[in-house]
C-alpha cells in the first residue's frame, strides 16, 4: 500500500537545503501541505536569508503541491509559535513535525567555547523542544500527531570534536522517550532519525566517493515511514546510502550484591556478572529499572514485597 499524506499538514525545519529540503519535497509529492522553515544562515548558524526556503516552495508548487516559507529561528520560541500559528491559520491543523534544523560549531572540548556549546544546544535541543511544544496541544486536541527528532551517531556513539553537537543529539533521545509516554493516548507518535548524509554539514568530512552515495534522498524514506499513519513509536531509525538500521539502548540484567559486597571492591569482583549480555533488555520506561533492582534485592534478601 502506498503511503500518502493527503489532508495532512507538515512542518519541516531546516528545509531550505540538504536533508530538510529532501524531506519536505517528498512529503509534498505524497500529498502533504508543507511549511518550509529555514533561517537561511550558514552551517555555523550565522547570517540569514529567505531565498533557500522560497526556492523549495517554488519547487513544490511547480510539482503541483502546496507549501509556504517561514524564516523562524527555532532557538526563539516566540518565532516558532508564530510559525505554527501561520500553518494553522492557513490550513487549520498540524499533523507532522520533522525537527531537522541544526548548526555545527565543531571543536575539541578543550578548545571549544561555552558560548558555542550553548548555541548548539539551543538550536538542536531547545529548537526541537520549542517546535514540539508549539505543536503539542494542537496534536493532542486533534488526537493525532507524528513527530520526528533528528539525532546522530555523534550523540549515540560519540565523535571527536563534537561534544556540543553530541550532547544535543543525545538530549533529543531523552525528550523522545518521555514524549512517547505522554502522547500515547492521543495517538502522538515520536521517533528519532539518525541520518548520515552528504550535505553542507558533512562536506569535507566524508570522502568524495562515499559523499555521492550518501545523498539526502536515500535518508528521506526513513522520515516518510516515521511520520506515516502506521509509524512505529519510540524508535531510533538510522539511515544512509539506502541502508537502514535501528539503534537501541539496552540494559544488562545485572546482578544483586549482598550487603557485605555492596562496595567498590564488590562491584569490581562481580564486574563480569554485572556486564554479562545474557538477558539484556530494552527498557520502555525508567521505572522498569527500579522494579528490576528491587525485585533482585528482595530475592537476594529472601523477603516478599507487597
C-alpha atoms as a PDB file:
ATOM      1  CA  UNK A   1       0.000   0.000   0.000  1.00  0.00           C
ATOM      2  CA  UNK A   2       1.305   3.427  -0.956  1.00  0.00           C
ATOM      3  CA  UNK A   3       1.991   5.742   1.995  1.00  0.00           C
ATOM      4  CA  UNK A   4       0.440   9.155   1.456  1.00  0.00           C
ATOM      5  CA  UNK A   5      -0.276  12.290   3.498  1.00  0.00           C
ATOM      6  CA  UNK A   6      -3.338  13.738   1.779  1.00  0.00           C
ATOM      7  CA  UNK A   7      -5.069  16.247   4.047  1.00  0.00           C
ATOM      8  CA  UNK A   8      -2.051  16.361   6.375  1.00  0.00           C
ATOM      9  CA  UNK A   9      -0.056  19.456   7.260  1.00  0.00           C
ATOM     10  CA  UNK A  10       3.673  19.089   7.884  1.00  0.00           C
ATOM     11  CA  UNK A  11       6.323  21.421   9.272  1.00  0.00           C
ATOM     12  CA  UNK A  12       9.925  20.659   8.342  1.00  0.00           C
ATOM     13  CA  UNK A  13      12.619  22.767   9.995  1.00  0.00           C
ATOM     14  CA  UNK A  14      15.904  23.498   8.274  1.00  0.00           C
ATOM     15  CA  UNK A  15      14.203  22.647   4.995  1.00  0.00           C
ATOM     16  CA  UNK A  16      15.976  25.124   2.727  1.00  0.00           C
ATOM     17  CA  UNK A  17      18.557  22.584   1.606  1.00  0.00           C
ATOM     18  CA  UNK A  18      20.086  19.201   2.316  1.00  0.00           C
ATOM     19  CA  UNK A  19      18.079  16.664   4.290  1.00  0.00           C
ATOM     20  CA  UNK A  20      15.258  19.043   5.186  1.00  0.00           C
ATOM     21  CA  UNK A  21      14.690  20.040   1.579  1.00  0.00           C
ATOM     22  CA  UNK A  22      14.535  16.386   0.548  1.00  0.00           C
ATOM     23  CA  UNK A  23      12.099  15.529   3.359  1.00  0.00           C
ATOM     24  CA  UNK A  24       9.822  18.467   2.521  1.00  0.00           C
ATOM     25  CA  UNK A  25       9.668  17.820  -1.221  1.00  0.00           C
ATOM     26  CA  UNK A  26       8.877  14.122  -0.799  1.00  0.00           C
ATOM     27  CA  UNK A  27       6.169  14.859   1.794  1.00  0.00           C
ATOM     28  CA  UNK A  28       4.611  17.312  -0.638  1.00  0.00           C
ATOM     29  CA  UNK A  29       4.825  14.814  -3.521  1.00  0.00           C
ATOM     30  CA  UNK A  30       2.754  12.437  -1.393  1.00  0.00           C
ATOM     31  CA  UNK A  31       0.028  14.965  -0.672  1.00  0.00           C
ATOM     32  CA  UNK A  32       1.131  16.893   2.428  1.00  0.00           C
ATOM     33  CA  UNK A  33       0.888  20.646   2.698  1.00  0.00           C
ATOM     34  CA  UNK A  34       4.302  21.745   3.969  1.00  0.00           C
ATOM     35  CA  UNK A  35       5.782  24.624   5.932  1.00  0.00           C
ATOM     36  CA  UNK A  36       9.337  25.117   4.691  1.00  0.00           C
ATOM     37  CA  UNK A  37      11.144  26.510   7.710  1.00  0.00           C
ATOM     38  CA  UNK A  38      14.657  27.785   7.200  1.00  0.00           C
ATOM     39  CA  UNK A  39      16.575  30.596   8.854  1.00  0.00           C
ATOM     40  CA  UNK A  40      18.803  30.666   5.789  1.00  0.00           C
ATOM     41  CA  UNK A  41      22.044  31.011   7.724  1.00  0.00           C
ATOM     42  CA  UNK A  42      25.458  29.447   7.211  1.00  0.00           C
ATOM     43  CA  UNK A  43      26.146  25.994   8.641  1.00  0.00           C
ATOM     44  CA  UNK A  44      27.555  27.622  11.795  1.00  0.00           C
ATOM     45  CA  UNK A  45      24.238  29.435  12.281  1.00  0.00           C
ATOM     46  CA  UNK A  46      25.372  32.911  11.261  1.00  0.00           C
ATOM     47  CA  UNK A  47      23.502  35.109   8.805  1.00  0.00           C
ATOM     48  CA  UNK A  48      20.045  34.570   7.403  1.00  0.00           C
ATOM     49  CA  UNK A  49      18.102  34.679   4.147  1.00  0.00           C
ATOM     50  CA  UNK A  50      14.679  33.530   2.959  1.00  0.00           C
ATOM     51  CA  UNK A  51      15.940  32.657  -0.519  1.00  0.00           C
ATOM     52  CA  UNK A  52      16.555  28.948   0.132  1.00  0.00           C
ATOM     53  CA  UNK A  53      13.124  28.358   1.699  1.00  0.00           C
ATOM     54  CA  UNK A  54      11.388  30.292  -1.083  1.00  0.00           C
ATOM     55  CA  UNK A  55      13.217  28.202  -3.682  1.00  0.00           C
ATOM     56  CA  UNK A  56      11.926  24.977  -2.113  1.00  0.00           C
ATOM     57  CA  UNK A  57       8.381  26.378  -2.047  1.00  0.00           C
ATOM     58  CA  UNK A  58       8.736  27.159  -5.754  1.00  0.00           C
ATOM     59  CA  UNK A  59       9.902  23.574  -6.431  1.00  0.00           C
ATOM     60  CA  UNK A  60       6.906  22.137  -4.582  1.00  0.00           C
ATOM     61  CA  UNK A  61       4.444  24.465  -6.316  1.00  0.00           C
ATOM     62  CA  UNK A  62       5.931  23.502  -9.682  1.00  0.00           C
ATOM     63  CA  UNK A  63       5.106  19.892  -8.792  1.00  0.00           C
ATOM     64  CA  UNK A  64       1.513  20.880  -8.053  1.00  0.00           C
ATOM     65  CA  UNK A  65       1.891  20.856  -4.272  1.00  0.00           C
ATOM     66  CA  UNK A  66       1.192  23.430  -1.554  1.00  0.00           C
ATOM     67  CA  UNK A  67       3.859  24.986   0.635  1.00  0.00           C
ATOM     68  CA  UNK A  68       4.727  28.182   2.485  1.00  0.00           C
ATOM     69  CA  UNK A  69       8.107  29.503   3.559  1.00  0.00           C
ATOM     70  CA  UNK A  70       8.931  30.546   7.104  1.00  0.00           C
ATOM     71  CA  UNK A  71      12.162  32.004   8.471  1.00  0.00           C
ATOM     72  CA  UNK A  72      11.633  31.353  12.198  1.00  0.00           C
ATOM     73  CA  UNK A  73      14.742  30.805  14.282  1.00  0.00           C
ATOM     74  CA  UNK A  74      13.949  27.556  16.125  1.00  0.00           C
ATOM     75  CA  UNK A  75      16.043  28.762  19.074  1.00  0.00           C
ATOM     76  CA  UNK A  76      13.449  31.511  19.686  1.00  0.00           C
ATOM     77  CA  UNK A  77      10.110  30.247  20.981  1.00  0.00           C
ATOM     78  CA  UNK A  78       8.134  33.358  20.037  1.00  0.00           C
ATOM     79  CA  UNK A  79       9.183  32.937  16.402  1.00  0.00           C
ATOM     80  CA  UNK A  80       8.317  29.223  16.485  1.00  0.00           C
ATOM     81  CA  UNK A  81       4.862  29.966  17.951  1.00  0.00           C
ATOM     82  CA  UNK A  82       4.234  32.450  15.139  1.00  0.00           C
ATOM     83  CA  UNK A  83       5.309  29.846  12.562  1.00  0.00           C
ATOM     84  CA  UNK A  84       2.911  27.223  13.921  1.00  0.00           C
ATOM     85  CA  UNK A  85       0.120  29.811  14.072  1.00  0.00           C
ATOM     86  CA  UNK A  86       0.755  30.654  10.404  1.00  0.00           C
ATOM     87  CA  UNK A  87       0.361  26.983   9.490  1.00  0.00           C
ATOM     88  CA  UNK A  88      -2.879  26.658  11.456  1.00  0.00           C
ATOM     89  CA  UNK A  89      -4.237  29.943  10.076  1.00  0.00           C
ATOM     90  CA  UNK A  90      -3.634  28.749   6.520  1.00  0.00           C
ATOM     91  CA  UNK A  91      -4.508  25.052   6.743  1.00  0.00           C
ATOM     92  CA  UNK A  92      -6.304  24.539  10.071  1.00  0.00           C
ATOM     93  CA  UNK A  93      -4.064  21.898  11.650  1.00  0.00           C
ATOM     94  CA  UNK A  94      -0.554  20.475  12.090  1.00  0.00           C
ATOM     95  CA  UNK A  95      -0.141  16.705  11.770  1.00  0.00           C
ATOM     96  CA  UNK A  96       3.563  16.182  11.157  1.00  0.00           C
ATOM     97  CA  UNK A  97       6.639  17.850  12.624  1.00  0.00           C
ATOM     98  CA  UNK A  98      10.120  16.995  11.376  1.00  0.00           C
ATOM     99  CA  UNK A  99      12.744  18.588  13.613  1.00  0.00           C
ATOM    100  CA  UNK A 100      15.700  18.821  11.248  1.00  0.00           C
ATOM    101  CA  UNK A 101      17.246  22.284  11.767  1.00  0.00           C
ATOM    102  CA  UNK A 102      20.799  22.322  13.038  1.00  0.00           C
ATOM    103  CA  UNK A 103      24.177  24.033  13.066  1.00  0.00           C
ATOM    104  CA  UNK A 104      27.761  22.956  13.680  1.00  0.00           C
ATOM    105  CA  UNK A 105      30.433  24.536  15.860  1.00  0.00           C
ATOM    106  CA  UNK A 106      32.959  21.696  15.833  1.00  0.00           C
ATOM    107  CA  UNK A 107      35.981  21.956  18.114  1.00  0.00           C
ATOM    108  CA  UNK A 108      37.623  19.713  20.668  1.00  0.00           C
ATOM    109  CA  UNK A 109      36.175  20.070  24.157  1.00  0.00           C
ATOM    110  CA  UNK A 110      39.424  21.682  25.346  1.00  0.00           C
ATOM    111  CA  UNK A 111      39.376  24.347  22.632  1.00  0.00           C
ATOM    112  CA  UNK A 112      35.637  24.951  22.222  1.00  0.00           C
ATOM    113  CA  UNK A 113      33.920  27.879  23.930  1.00  0.00           C
ATOM    114  CA  UNK A 114      30.989  27.570  26.288  1.00  0.00           C
ATOM    115  CA  UNK A 115      29.190  30.150  24.153  1.00  0.00           C
ATOM    116  CA  UNK A 116      29.367  27.844  21.128  1.00  0.00           C
ATOM    117  CA  UNK A 117      28.325  24.867  23.282  1.00  0.00           C
ATOM    118  CA  UNK A 118      25.189  26.693  24.451  1.00  0.00           C
ATOM    119  CA  UNK A 119      24.368  27.857  20.938  1.00  0.00           C
ATOM    120  CA  UNK A 120      24.487  24.318  19.527  1.00  0.00           C
ATOM    121  CA  UNK A 121      22.283  23.090  22.394  1.00  0.00           C
ATOM    122  CA  UNK A 122      19.883  25.994  21.798  1.00  0.00           C
ATOM    123  CA  UNK A 123      19.413  25.142  18.127  1.00  0.00           C
ATOM    124  CA  UNK A 124      19.388  21.342  18.198  1.00  0.00           C
ATOM    125  CA  UNK A 125      17.890  20.524  21.589  1.00  0.00           C
ATOM    126  CA  UNK A 126      15.892  23.608  22.558  1.00  0.00           C
ATOM    127  CA  UNK A 127      14.908  24.128  18.913  1.00  0.00           C
ATOM    128  CA  UNK A 128      13.371  20.659  18.955  1.00  0.00           C
ATOM    129  CA  UNK A 129      11.707  21.401  22.295  1.00  0.00           C
ATOM    130  CA  UNK A 130      10.318  24.715  21.022  1.00  0.00           C
ATOM    131  CA  UNK A 131       8.857  23.305  17.814  1.00  0.00           C
ATOM    132  CA  UNK A 132       7.391  20.255  19.517  1.00  0.00           C
ATOM    133  CA  UNK A 133       5.943  22.331  22.361  1.00  0.00           C
ATOM    134  CA  UNK A 134       4.294  24.726  19.912  1.00  0.00           C
ATOM    135  CA  UNK A 135       2.637  21.808  18.077  1.00  0.00           C
ATOM    136  CA  UNK A 136       1.872  19.584  21.071  1.00  0.00           C
ATOM    137  CA  UNK A 137      -1.503  20.963  22.181  1.00  0.00           C
ATOM    138  CA  UNK A 138      -2.706  21.089  18.570  1.00  0.00           C
ATOM    139  CA  UNK A 139      -1.803  17.435  18.027  1.00  0.00           C
ATOM    140  CA  UNK A 140      -3.278  16.427  21.385  1.00  0.00           C
ATOM    141  CA  UNK A 141      -6.568  18.223  20.723  1.00  0.00           C
ATOM    142  CA  UNK A 142      -6.954  16.683  17.264  1.00  0.00           C
ATOM    143  CA  UNK A 143      -5.956  13.227  18.541  1.00  0.00           C
ATOM    144  CA  UNK A 144      -3.173  12.760  16.023  1.00  0.00           C
ATOM    145  CA  UNK A 145       0.465  13.710  15.637  1.00  0.00           C
ATOM    146  CA  UNK A 146       3.698  12.413  14.189  1.00  0.00           C
ATOM    147  CA  UNK A 147       6.940  13.940  15.449  1.00  0.00           C
ATOM    148  CA  UNK A 148      10.470  13.158  14.296  1.00  0.00           C
ATOM    149  CA  UNK A 149      13.522  14.350  16.208  1.00  0.00           C
ATOM    150  CA  UNK A 150      16.884  14.190  14.480  1.00  0.00           C
ATOM    151  CA  UNK A 151      19.610  12.500  16.470  1.00  0.00           C
ATOM    152  CA  UNK A 152      23.060  11.439  15.263  1.00  0.00           C
ATOM    153  CA  UNK A 153      25.677   8.743  15.608  1.00  0.00           C
ATOM    154  CA  UNK A 154      27.749  11.546  17.170  1.00  0.00           C
ATOM    155  CA  UNK A 155      25.293  11.578  20.072  1.00  0.00           C
ATOM    156  CA  UNK A 156      24.659   7.845  20.204  1.00  0.00           C
ATOM    157  CA  UNK A 157      28.310   6.828  19.996  1.00  0.00           C
ATOM    158  CA  UNK A 158      30.475   9.973  20.154  1.00  0.00           C
ATOM    159  CA  UNK A 159      32.582  11.788  17.571  1.00  0.00           C
ATOM    160  CA  UNK A 160      35.818  13.696  18.116  1.00  0.00           C
ATOM    161  CA  UNK A 161      35.306  17.460  18.150  1.00  0.00           C
ATOM    162  CA  UNK A 162      31.532  17.246  18.577  1.00  0.00           C
ATOM    163  CA  UNK A 163      30.911  17.285  22.328  1.00  0.00           C
ATOM    164  CA  UNK A 164      28.391  20.124  21.897  1.00  0.00           C
ATOM    165  CA  UNK A 165      26.591  18.518  18.953  1.00  0.00           C
ATOM    166  CA  UNK A 166      26.710  15.036  20.507  1.00  0.00           C
ATOM    167  CA  UNK A 167      25.232  16.312  23.777  1.00  0.00           C
ATOM    168  CA  UNK A 168      22.335  17.939  21.942  1.00  0.00           C
ATOM    169  CA  UNK A 169      21.742  14.896  19.770  1.00  0.00           C
ATOM    170  CA  UNK A 170      21.560  12.573  22.775  1.00  0.00           C
ATOM    171  CA  UNK A 171      19.327  15.092  24.525  1.00  0.00           C
ATOM    172  CA  UNK A 172      16.611  14.721  21.890  1.00  0.00           C
ATOM    173  CA  UNK A 173      16.538  10.966  22.615  1.00  0.00           C
ATOM    174  CA  UNK A 174      15.691  11.680  26.243  1.00  0.00           C
ATOM    175  CA  UNK A 175      12.981  14.066  25.063  1.00  0.00           C
ATOM    176  CA  UNK A 176      11.560  11.431  22.716  1.00  0.00           C
ATOM    177  CA  UNK A 177      11.491   8.719  25.390  1.00  0.00           C
ATOM    178  CA  UNK A 178       9.223  10.763  27.661  1.00  0.00           C
ATOM    179  CA  UNK A 179       7.049  12.367  24.967  1.00  0.00           C
ATOM    180  CA  UNK A 180       6.205   8.879  23.697  1.00  0.00           C
ATOM    181  CA  UNK A 181       4.649   8.072  27.067  1.00  0.00           C
ATOM    182  CA  UNK A 182       2.818  11.392  27.388  1.00  0.00           C
ATOM    183  CA  UNK A 183       1.500  11.361  23.818  1.00  0.00           C
ATOM    184  CA  UNK A 184       0.410   7.719  23.565  1.00  0.00           C
ATOM    185  CA  UNK A 185      -3.267   8.164  24.428  1.00  0.00           C
ATOM    186  CA  UNK A 186      -3.581  10.995  21.889  1.00  0.00           C
ATOM    187  CA  UNK A 187      -2.024   8.952  19.049  1.00  0.00           C
ATOM    188  CA  UNK A 188       1.023  11.210  19.034  1.00  0.00           C
ATOM    189  CA  UNK A 189       3.969   9.065  17.978  1.00  0.00           C
ATOM    190  CA  UNK A 190       7.509  10.312  18.431  1.00  0.00           C
ATOM    191  CA  UNK A 191      10.515   8.759  16.731  1.00  0.00           C
ATOM    192  CA  UNK A 192      14.131   9.643  16.022  1.00  0.00           C
ATOM    193  CA  UNK A 193      16.074   9.708  12.777  1.00  0.00           C
ATOM    194  CA  UNK A 194      19.844   9.103  12.910  1.00  0.00           C
ATOM    195  CA  UNK A 195      20.936  10.128   9.410  1.00  0.00           C
ATOM    196  CA  UNK A 196      24.273  10.045   7.684  1.00  0.00           C
ATOM    197  CA  UNK A 197      24.224  12.094   4.513  1.00  0.00           C
ATOM    198  CA  UNK A 198      26.373  14.119   2.187  1.00  0.00           C
ATOM    199  CA  UNK A 199      25.243  17.684   2.864  1.00  0.00           C
ATOM    200  CA  UNK A 200      26.940  21.008   3.503  1.00  0.00           C
ATOM    201  CA  UNK A 201      27.117  19.960   7.181  1.00  0.00           C
ATOM    202  CA  UNK A 202      29.345  16.988   6.279  1.00  0.00           C
ATOM    203  CA  UNK A 203      31.131  18.333   3.189  1.00  0.00           C
ATOM    204  CA  UNK A 204      34.868  17.935   3.585  1.00  0.00           C
ATOM    205  CA  UNK A 205      34.410  15.365   6.360  1.00  0.00           C
ATOM    206  CA  UNK A 206      33.443  12.444   4.109  1.00  0.00           C
ATOM    207  CA  UNK A 207      35.487  11.022   1.168  1.00  0.00           C
ATOM    208  CA  UNK A 208      34.116  12.117  -2.212  1.00  0.00           C
ATOM    209  CA  UNK A 209      33.051   8.623  -3.331  1.00  0.00           C
ATOM    210  CA  UNK A 210      31.134   7.994  -0.111  1.00  0.00           C
ATOM    211  CA  UNK A 211      29.697  11.533  -0.213  1.00  0.00           C
ATOM    212  CA  UNK A 212      27.972  10.716  -3.523  1.00  0.00           C
ATOM    213  CA  UNK A 213      26.443   7.519  -2.103  1.00  0.00           C
ATOM    214  CA  UNK A 214      25.168   9.358   0.964  1.00  0.00           C
ATOM    215  CA  UNK A 215      22.584  11.500  -0.804  1.00  0.00           C
ATOM    216  CA  UNK A 216      19.800  13.072   1.293  1.00  0.00           C
ATOM    217  CA  UNK A 217      17.289  11.261  -0.938  1.00  0.00           C
ATOM    218  CA  UNK A 218      18.470   7.917   0.489  1.00  0.00           C
ATOM    219  CA  UNK A 219      17.630   9.093   4.023  1.00  0.00           C
ATOM    220  CA  UNK A 220      14.209  10.631   3.390  1.00  0.00           C
ATOM    221  CA  UNK A 221      12.314   7.304   3.049  1.00  0.00           C
ATOM    222  CA  UNK A 222      13.067   6.723   6.734  1.00  0.00           C
ATOM    223  CA  UNK A 223      11.376  10.004   7.655  1.00  0.00           C
ATOM    224  CA  UNK A 224       8.403   9.252   5.411  1.00  0.00           C
ATOM    225  CA  UNK A 225       7.905   5.962   7.254  1.00  0.00           C
ATOM    226  CA  UNK A 226       8.311   7.524  10.709  1.00  0.00           C
ATOM    227  CA  UNK A 227       5.551  10.094  10.031  1.00  0.00           C
ATOM    228  CA  UNK A 228       3.091   7.694   8.397  1.00  0.00           C
ATOM    229  CA  UNK A 229      -0.222   6.608   9.914  1.00  0.00           C
ATOM    230  CA  UNK A 230       1.248   3.206  10.784  1.00  0.00           C
ATOM    231  CA  UNK A 231       4.522   4.604  12.111  1.00  0.00           C
ATOM    232  CA  UNK A 232       6.312   2.858  14.956  1.00  0.00           C
ATOM    233  CA  UNK A 233       6.852   4.658  18.257  1.00  0.00           C
ATOM    234  CA  UNK A 234      10.000   5.363  20.283  1.00  0.00           C
ATOM    235  CA  UNK A 235      12.269   4.086  17.522  1.00  0.00           C
ATOM    236  CA  UNK A 236      15.728   5.341  16.563  1.00  0.00           C
ATOM    237  CA  UNK A 237      15.902   4.654  12.840  1.00  0.00           C
ATOM    238  CA  UNK A 238      19.361   5.026  11.304  1.00  0.00           C
ATOM    239  CA  UNK A 239      19.601   5.759   7.587  1.00  0.00           C
ATOM    240  CA  UNK A 240      22.237   6.454   4.951  1.00  0.00           C
ATOM    241  CA  UNK A 241      23.184   5.440   1.398  1.00  0.00           C
ATOM    242  CA  UNK A 242      19.997   3.363   1.156  1.00  0.00           C
ATOM    243  CA  UNK A 243      20.806   1.267   4.241  1.00  0.00           C
ATOM    244  CA  UNK A 244      18.609   1.298   7.335  1.00  0.00           C
ATOM    245  CA  UNK A 245      19.084   0.023  10.903  1.00  0.00           C
ATOM    246  CA  UNK A 246      17.606   0.538  14.358  1.00  0.00           C
ATOM    247  CA  UNK A 247      19.681   1.703  17.347  1.00  0.00           C
ATOM    248  CA  UNK A 248      18.656   0.642  20.859  1.00  0.00           C
ATOM    249  CA  UNK A 249      19.673   1.492  24.400  1.00  0.00           C
ATOM    250  CA  UNK A 250      19.910  -1.813  26.255  1.00  0.00           C
ATOM    251  CA  UNK A 251      20.395  -2.607  29.935  1.00  0.00           C
ATOM    252  CA  UNK A 252      22.070  -5.775  31.128  1.00  0.00           C
ATOM    253  CA  UNK A 253      20.136  -7.981  33.504  1.00  0.00           C
ATOM    254  CA  UNK A 254      22.780  -7.279  36.125  1.00  0.00           C
ATOM    255  CA  UNK A 255      23.167  -8.925  39.490  1.00  0.00           C
ATOM    256  CA  UNK A 256      22.360  -8.212  43.132  1.00  0.00           C
ATOM    257  CA  UNK A 257      25.201  -7.993  45.610  1.00  0.00           C
ATOM    258  CA  UNK A 258      24.803  -8.942  49.260  1.00  0.00           C
ATOM    259  CA  UNK A 259      25.213  -6.076  51.776  1.00  0.00           C
ATOM    260  CA  UNK A 260      28.816  -7.000  52.536  1.00  0.00           C
ATOM    261  CA  UNK A 261      29.598  -6.936  48.784  1.00  0.00           C
ATOM    262  CA  UNK A 262      27.957  -3.548  48.149  1.00  0.00           C
ATOM    263  CA  UNK A 263      31.343  -1.851  47.922  1.00  0.00           C
ATOM    264  CA  UNK A 264      33.501  -0.696  45.013  1.00  0.00           C
ATOM    265  CA  UNK A 265      35.591  -3.834  45.570  1.00  0.00           C
ATOM    266  CA  UNK A 266      32.446  -5.950  45.378  1.00  0.00           C
ATOM    267  CA  UNK A 267      31.450  -4.313  42.107  1.00  0.00           C
ATOM    268  CA  UNK A 268      34.940  -4.960  40.703  1.00  0.00           C
ATOM    269  CA  UNK A 269      34.803  -8.619  41.790  1.00  0.00           C
ATOM    270  CA  UNK A 270      31.381  -9.093  40.138  1.00  0.00           C
ATOM    271  CA  UNK A 271      32.011  -6.999  37.038  1.00  0.00           C
ATOM    272  CA  UNK A 272      31.640  -9.952  34.662  1.00  0.00           C
ATOM    273  CA  UNK A 273      28.161 -10.742  36.026  1.00  0.00           C
ATOM    274  CA  UNK A 274      27.118  -7.075  36.019  1.00  0.00           C
ATOM    275  CA  UNK A 275      28.110  -6.604  32.376  1.00  0.00           C
ATOM    276  CA  UNK A 276      27.008 -10.017  31.026  1.00  0.00           C
ATOM    277  CA  UNK A 277      24.836  -9.586  27.933  1.00  0.00           C
ATOM    278  CA  UNK A 278      22.630 -12.624  28.544  1.00  0.00           C
ATOM    279  CA  UNK A 279      19.132 -11.464  29.412  1.00  0.00           C
ATOM    280  CA  UNK A 280      19.732  -7.814  28.474  1.00  0.00           C
ATOM    281  CA  UNK A 281      16.602  -5.850  27.533  1.00  0.00           C
ATOM    282  CA  UNK A 282      15.453  -2.570  26.034  1.00  0.00           C
ATOM    283  CA  UNK A 283      13.517  -0.858  28.870  1.00  0.00           C
ATOM    284  CA  UNK A 284      10.409   1.012  27.764  1.00  0.00           C
ATOM    285  CA  UNK A 285      10.326   3.350  30.776  1.00  0.00           C
ATOM    286  CA  UNK A 286      12.633   4.407  33.588  1.00  0.00           C
ATOM    287  CA  UNK A 287      10.598   2.774  36.373  1.00  0.00           C
ATOM    288  CA  UNK A 288      11.304  -0.670  34.905  1.00  0.00           C
ATOM    289  CA  UNK A 289      14.868  -0.403  36.206  1.00  0.00           C
ATOM    290  CA  UNK A 290      13.575   0.370  39.705  1.00  0.00           C
ATOM    291  CA  UNK A 291      11.220  -2.613  39.630  1.00  0.00           C
ATOM    292  CA  UNK A 292      14.002  -4.916  38.403  1.00  0.00           C
ATOM    293  CA  UNK A 293      16.507  -3.813  41.031  1.00  0.00           C
ATOM    294  CA  UNK A 294      14.068  -4.033  43.940  1.00  0.00           C
ATOM    295  CA  UNK A 295      12.948  -7.496  42.791  1.00  0.00           C
ATOM    296  CA  UNK A 296      16.565  -8.664  42.693  1.00  0.00           C
ATOM    297  CA  UNK A 297      17.174  -7.228  46.163  1.00  0.00           C
ATOM    298  CA  UNK A 298      14.058  -8.856  47.590  1.00  0.00           C
ATOM    299  CA  UNK A 299      15.041 -12.193  46.109  1.00  0.00           C
ATOM    300  CA  UNK A 300      18.573 -11.903  47.451  1.00  0.00           C
ATOM    301  CA  UNK A 301      17.378 -10.923  50.911  1.00  0.00           C
ATOM    302  CA  UNK A 302      14.628 -13.538  50.923  1.00  0.00           C
ATOM    303  CA  UNK A 303      11.837 -11.051  51.571  1.00  0.00           C
ATOM    304  CA  UNK A 304       8.437 -10.649  49.933  1.00  0.00           C
ATOM    305  CA  UNK A 305       7.421  -7.274  48.502  1.00  0.00           C
ATOM    306  CA  UNK A 306       3.787  -6.159  48.856  1.00  0.00           C
END
